[in-house]
């Protein structure tokens, strides 16, 4: 309701509404959803936002117990447990069209079981190139899935992923009142 249409028509698209062609990195700083994001995400953002104009803060990315969490667009890549040193490594890797595997959590377009399979394949095959893999097929569910990725050289990678609930419990976020059972993925 406060948009200045006459100025828009006269001056064109304001700079803040223009297309962005370079990658952007979003750090979750939402302390209202979980204090972990405020504690780690907001702290990280405040440390680096003057150094890196391509880093913005955002609302909620999930994975609170893995804060600071970061999303890279337009590629849709999640990174977890990012600190200042790993952030610099992520930016350097991304500038070379590579993934920084130590903090890589997967592509946002994939369900969790596919993200797990992609990470496993990349780790085992040392595939760090950003576009080295393409999802060919995923069948099953969040609890058990068969996932197939293909490389640009047509080499296929088949992974069977099974989610297992552990006996061990932990607090899954900074504001959790009770511990929940953990799960891990078996490949």
Foldseek 3Di string as FASTA:
>chain_A
DPDDVVCCVVPPDDPVPDDDDDKAKEWECAVVVFVLSVVARVVQCVVPCVPDVSYYYDHDDDQALQPRWMAIPPQQWIFTVDHPVVVVVQVVQVVVQWGDLVGTQAGPVDPNQQSVVVSVCCVVVVGGHNPQKDWDDWDDDPAWIWTWIAGPVRDIDIDIKGKDWDPDWDQRGNPRPDTDTDIDIDD
